[in-house]
Protein backbone atom coordinates (compact mmCIF):
# COMPACT_ATOMS: atom_id res chain seq x y z
CA MET A 1 108.71 113.94 121.61
CA GLN A 2 104.84 112.63 119.96
CA ASP A 3 103.81 110.46 122.95
CA SER A 4 102.54 107.13 121.99
CA LYS A 5 98.48 107.87 123.39
CA LYS A 6 95.86 106.48 121.46
CA PRO A 7 95.31 109.31 118.46
CA ASN A 8 91.85 111.05 118.67
CA PHE A 9 91.04 110.46 114.82
CA SER A 10 90.74 107.90 112.58
CA VAL A 11 91.89 107.93 108.96
CA GLU A 12 90.01 106.26 105.92
CA PHE A 13 91.55 105.94 102.27
CA PRO A 14 88.12 105.62 100.12
CA PRO A 15 88.71 103.52 97.32
CA VAL A 16 89.77 104.90 94.15
CA GLU A 17 90.50 103.50 90.40
CA ALA A 18 93.83 101.71 90.28
CA GLY A 19 96.24 104.41 88.72
CA LYS A 20 93.96 107.35 88.52
CA VAL A 21 95.59 109.07 91.79
CA SER A 22 98.79 110.42 91.39
CA GLN A 23 101.25 110.84 94.57
CA ASP A 24 100.59 114.49 94.70
CA GLU A 25 96.97 113.69 95.04
CA GLU A 26 96.87 111.16 97.39
CA PHE A 27 94.31 112.16 100.04
CA MET A 28 92.39 110.73 103.03
CA VAL A 29 89.37 111.10 105.23
CA VAL A 30 90.05 112.24 108.87
CA GLU A 31 87.12 111.67 111.30
CA ASP A 32 87.41 113.08 114.90
CA VAL A 33 86.09 112.13 117.89
CA GLU A 34 83.03 113.68 117.41
CA GLY A 35 82.26 111.94 114.41
CA GLY A 36 83.30 115.28 112.11
CA LYS A 37 85.01 114.24 108.47
CA ARG A 38 87.31 116.49 106.57
CA LYS A 39 89.57 115.46 103.13
CA ILE A 40 92.84 115.90 103.77
CA ARG A 41 95.58 116.06 100.75
CA PHE A 42 98.54 114.13 101.95
CA HIS A 43 100.80 117.07 100.59
CA ASP A 44 98.38 119.75 102.48
CA TYR A 45 100.79 119.42 105.31
CA HIS A 46 99.98 122.47 107.18
CA GLU A 47 96.27 120.97 107.44
CA ILE A 48 98.20 117.66 108.57
CA PHE A 49 100.73 119.29 111.27
CA GLU A 50 97.65 120.97 112.92
CA ILE A 51 96.35 117.21 114.09
CA PRO A 52 98.90 116.18 116.57
CA GLY A 53 100.08 112.65 115.74
CA LEU A 54 98.25 112.69 112.21
CA TYR A 55 101.69 113.04 110.22
CA GLU A 56 103.52 110.05 112.32
CA TYR A 57 100.21 108.34 111.81
CA LEU A 58 99.47 108.27 108.23
CA PHE A 59 103.31 108.32 106.97
CA TYR A 60 105.02 106.40 109.19
CA GLU A 61 102.14 103.87 110.65
CA LYS A 62 99.92 103.51 107.71
CA LEU A 63 102.18 103.96 105.04
CA GLN A 64 105.19 102.65 106.26
CA CYS A 65 107.80 105.50 105.53
CA LYS A 66 111.66 104.59 105.51
CA SER A 67 113.13 107.56 104.64
CA PRO A 68 114.33 109.33 107.83
CA LYS A 69 116.04 106.21 108.82
CA THR A 70 117.12 105.56 105.28
CA ILE A 71 118.90 108.68 104.66
CA CYS A 72 120.30 109.22 107.74
CA THR A 73 121.61 105.55 108.31
CA ILE A 74 123.59 105.98 104.95
CA LEU A 75 124.64 109.26 105.93
CA GLY A 76 126.35 108.40 109.20
CA ASN A 77 127.79 105.09 107.23
CA HIS A 78 129.36 107.21 104.57
CA VAL A 79 131.01 109.62 107.32
CA ARG A 80 132.52 107.19 109.25
CA GLU A 81 133.45 105.31 106.26
CA GLY A 82 135.35 108.61 105.02
CA GLY A 83 137.28 108.85 107.98
CA GLY A 84 135.23 111.96 109.49
CA ALA A 85 132.95 112.04 113.11
CA VAL A 86 129.25 112.21 112.73
CA ASP A 87 129.49 114.56 115.97
CA ASP A 88 131.29 117.22 113.96
CA LEU A 89 128.31 117.62 111.69
CA VAL A 90 126.40 120.83 111.81
CA VAL A 91 123.49 120.12 109.51
CA LEU A 92 120.72 122.30 108.03
CA ASP A 93 117.47 120.17 107.92
CA VAL A 94 115.67 121.55 104.69
CA GLY A 95 111.80 120.51 104.91
CA ALA A 96 112.15 119.99 108.31
CA GLY A 97 108.46 119.59 109.05
CA ASN A 98 107.35 118.42 112.39
CA GLY A 99 110.95 117.33 113.43
CA MET A 100 111.16 113.29 112.20
CA VAL A 101 114.23 113.91 110.58
CA GLY A 102 116.15 115.95 112.84
CA GLU A 103 115.09 113.65 115.48
CA ARG A 104 116.89 111.00 113.25
CA LEU A 105 120.11 113.51 113.29
CA SER A 106 119.86 113.82 117.10
CA HIS A 107 119.62 109.81 117.53
CA LEU A 108 122.81 109.64 114.82
CA GLY A 109 124.85 111.92 117.14
CA VAL A 110 125.41 115.16 114.92
CA LYS A 111 126.97 118.26 116.86
CA SER A 112 123.85 120.70 115.95
CA VAL A 113 121.01 120.74 113.62
CA VAL A 114 119.19 123.90 112.47
CA GLY A 115 115.78 123.30 110.49
CA VAL A 116 114.16 125.47 107.89
CA ASP A 117 110.34 125.34 106.34
CA ILE A 118 108.41 127.33 104.38
CA ILE A 119 104.94 126.72 106.39
CA GLU A 120 104.52 128.21 110.10
CA GLU A 121 102.47 125.01 111.09
CA ALA A 122 105.58 123.27 110.52
CA ALA A 123 107.49 124.98 113.01
CA LEU A 124 104.36 124.61 115.25
CA ALA A 125 104.17 121.32 115.40
CA THR A 126 107.92 121.19 115.82
CA GLN A 127 107.40 123.14 119.20
CA ARG A 128 104.27 120.91 119.95
CA ASP A 129 106.00 117.71 119.37
CA ARG A 130 109.76 118.00 119.66
CA PRO A 131 110.61 121.09 121.14
CA ASP A 132 114.14 120.23 122.05
CA ILE A 133 115.77 118.82 118.78
CA TYR A 134 116.69 121.97 116.90
CA ASP A 135 119.21 124.92 117.89
CA ASP A 136 116.98 127.02 115.44
CA TYR A 137 114.13 126.46 112.87
CA TYR A 138 113.32 129.02 110.53
CA VAL A 139 110.17 129.43 108.40
CA VAL A 140 111.59 130.93 104.86
CA ASP A 141 111.27 130.28 101.61
CA LEU A 142 114.73 129.89 100.19
CA THR A 143 114.17 131.52 97.24
CA GLN A 144 113.09 134.71 98.63
CA MET A 145 115.51 134.85 101.86
CA PRO A 146 115.76 138.15 103.55
CA GLU A 147 119.52 139.24 103.68
CA GLY A 148 119.01 139.19 107.92
CA VAL A 149 118.29 135.47 107.82
CA ARG A 150 120.30 134.62 105.19
CA ARG A 151 123.19 136.30 107.29
CA GLU A 152 122.26 134.16 110.22
CA LEU A 153 122.16 130.75 108.14
CA GLN A 154 125.47 131.63 107.07
CA ALA A 155 127.01 132.20 110.24
CA LYS A 156 126.14 128.75 111.57
CA ASP A 157 128.96 127.25 109.44
CA PHE A 158 127.16 124.38 108.04
CA ASN A 159 128.86 121.51 107.10
CA CYS A 160 125.89 119.03 106.04
CA LEU A 161 122.75 119.35 104.36
CA VAL A 162 119.84 116.72 104.79
CA THR A 163 116.53 117.14 102.97
CA VAL A 164 114.10 114.40 102.96
CA SER A 165 110.96 113.61 101.37
CA ALA A 166 110.81 117.44 100.33
CA LEU A 167 112.12 117.69 96.82
CA GLY A 168 109.50 118.05 93.80
CA PHE A 169 105.99 118.14 93.80
CA GLY A 170 106.02 121.96 94.22
CA ASP A 171 107.58 121.62 97.84
CA ILE A 172 111.12 122.38 97.27
CA PRO A 173 112.00 123.73 93.85
CA PRO A 174 115.53 123.53 92.22
CA ALA A 175 116.22 126.69 92.91
CA ALA A 176 115.58 126.21 96.54
CA PHE A 177 117.72 123.23 96.90
CA THR A 178 120.48 125.28 95.09
CA GLU A 179 120.31 128.37 97.96
CA ALA A 180 120.45 125.46 100.48
CA PHE A 181 123.09 123.84 99.01
CA ASN A 182 125.09 127.19 98.72
CA LEU A 183 124.56 127.44 102.64
CA VAL A 184 127.10 124.15 103.30
CA SER A 185 130.92 125.12 103.68
CA ALA A 186 133.06 122.70 101.46
CA PRO A 187 133.96 120.37 101.80
CA GLY A 188 130.79 119.38 103.42
CA TRP A 189 128.33 116.30 103.06
CA ILE A 190 124.75 116.69 101.23
CA ALA A 191 122.06 113.79 101.74
CA PHE A 192 118.93 113.77 100.00
CA ASN A 193 115.69 111.44 98.65
CA ILE A 194 113.99 112.22 95.28
CA LYS A 195 111.26 110.63 93.87
CA ASP A 196 112.82 107.83 91.12
CA THR A 197 110.92 109.74 88.09
CA PHE A 198 112.46 113.01 89.16
CA LEU A 199 115.91 111.61 87.60
CA LEU A 200 114.51 110.85 84.30
CA ASP A 201 115.94 112.99 81.39
CA GLU A 202 112.22 113.54 80.31
CA ASP A 203 110.95 114.76 83.77
CA PRO A 204 110.00 118.58 83.77
CA SER A 205 110.86 119.23 87.78
CA GLY A 206 114.24 120.23 86.80
CA PHE A 207 116.01 117.97 89.12
CA ALA A 208 117.23 115.42 86.90
CA LYS A 209 119.19 117.99 85.09
CA LEU A 210 120.52 119.89 88.08
CA ILE A 211 121.46 116.47 90.11
CA ASP A 212 123.56 115.53 86.97
CA ARG A 213 125.47 118.88 86.54
CA ILE A 214 126.67 118.83 90.27
CA SER A 215 127.81 115.54 89.74
CA GLU A 216 129.49 115.58 85.97
CA THR A 217 131.24 119.14 86.91
CA GLY A 218 132.28 117.48 90.47
CA ILE A 219 130.70 119.84 92.58
CA MET A 220 129.09 117.36 94.19
CA GLU A 221 131.14 113.93 94.12
CA PRO A 222 128.50 111.23 94.66
CA HIS A 223 129.18 107.81 97.21
CA SER A 224 125.87 106.55 97.56
CA LYS A 225 122.89 106.62 95.20
CA GLU A 226 120.51 103.75 96.41
CA ARG A 227 116.91 102.98 95.09
CA TYR A 228 114.82 101.43 97.82
CA CYS A 229 111.05 101.63 98.87
CA HIS A 230 110.07 105.49 100.58
CA ARG A 231 106.50 104.59 101.48
CA LEU A 232 103.22 103.19 100.28
CA SER A 233 100.55 104.55 98.19
CA MET A 234 97.07 105.22 99.40
CA GLU A 235 96.84 101.97 97.78
CA GLY A 236 99.20 100.18 99.13
CA GLU A 237 101.85 100.38 96.08
CA PRO A 238 105.45 100.55 96.82
CA LEU A 239 106.99 104.31 95.78
CA TYR A 240 110.71 104.08 94.92
CA TYR A 241 113.09 106.89 95.46
CA PHE A 242 116.67 107.09 95.47
CA ALA A 243 118.79 107.92 98.36
CA ILE A 244 121.63 110.22 97.22
CA VAL A 245 124.76 110.99 99.77
CA GLY A 246 127.85 112.85 98.51
CA GLU A 247 130.39 115.26 99.18
CA LYS A 248 130.35 119.34 98.40
CA THR A 249 133.44 120.37 96.42
CA ARG A 250 132.24 124.18 96.00
CA ASP A 251 129.23 126.32 95.57
CA ILE A 252 126.77 126.33 92.38
CA PRO A 253 127.40 129.06 90.36
CA ALA A 254 124.56 131.86 90.82
CA GLU A 255 123.84 131.78 87.53
CA TRP A 256 122.46 128.37 87.39
CA VAL A 257 119.93 129.08 90.28
CA ASN A 258 117.00 130.93 87.77
CA GLY A 259 118.27 128.32 84.94
CA ALA A 260 117.69 125.35 87.40
CA SER A 261 114.32 126.54 88.39
């Protein structure tokens, strides 16, 4: 686990005109111990993960992100309320980053957790910060999965999908979420969060249509949909997401994949 020693960097949020910087354009200036400064976007994860402790300091200390705890707590509560056992969960953690969610799942008591992320820097940061959290960790684009990787993931017999703070903004598109969803057995548990505006009818990302469709057709039976403060913006304003937990009953049809993207 990442230790709690004082970080060897400082972070500054330059003043910006209120409401003029969208969430996927937020940025900071990071200064190292030698006085060198660099501007890094919050969504440039490959740069953030390269600096030990920066991800945790930025999102969890400065911006008070609550999502890993929120999603994992809600998931655990619903599994237990449904008569299931948390220690039976074999979890696919998509958009795993440097293991913050995997660590929460481990504390929750799941049987096994496998991480997937699209960037190599995330896997390297996990090896550095939380080397004992995941049973396996794959660096792969789920929309272009090699067949060998697909077979390995299918052999894991996942009965739970968790993806936190990764949907939308070009990080994980609906087609990738669909691929991950279909790697989970039925019945199985699905837990994720998504920015509230991505569930509006006019949202162009495709998530509103996909999530409505899987709920309306019974592909996923929703158990919980809670709006909560995901974190603060760089201006100190709350950013609201929905935490969604449900049970998968069957796969999303293959013909939906391209249409959902």
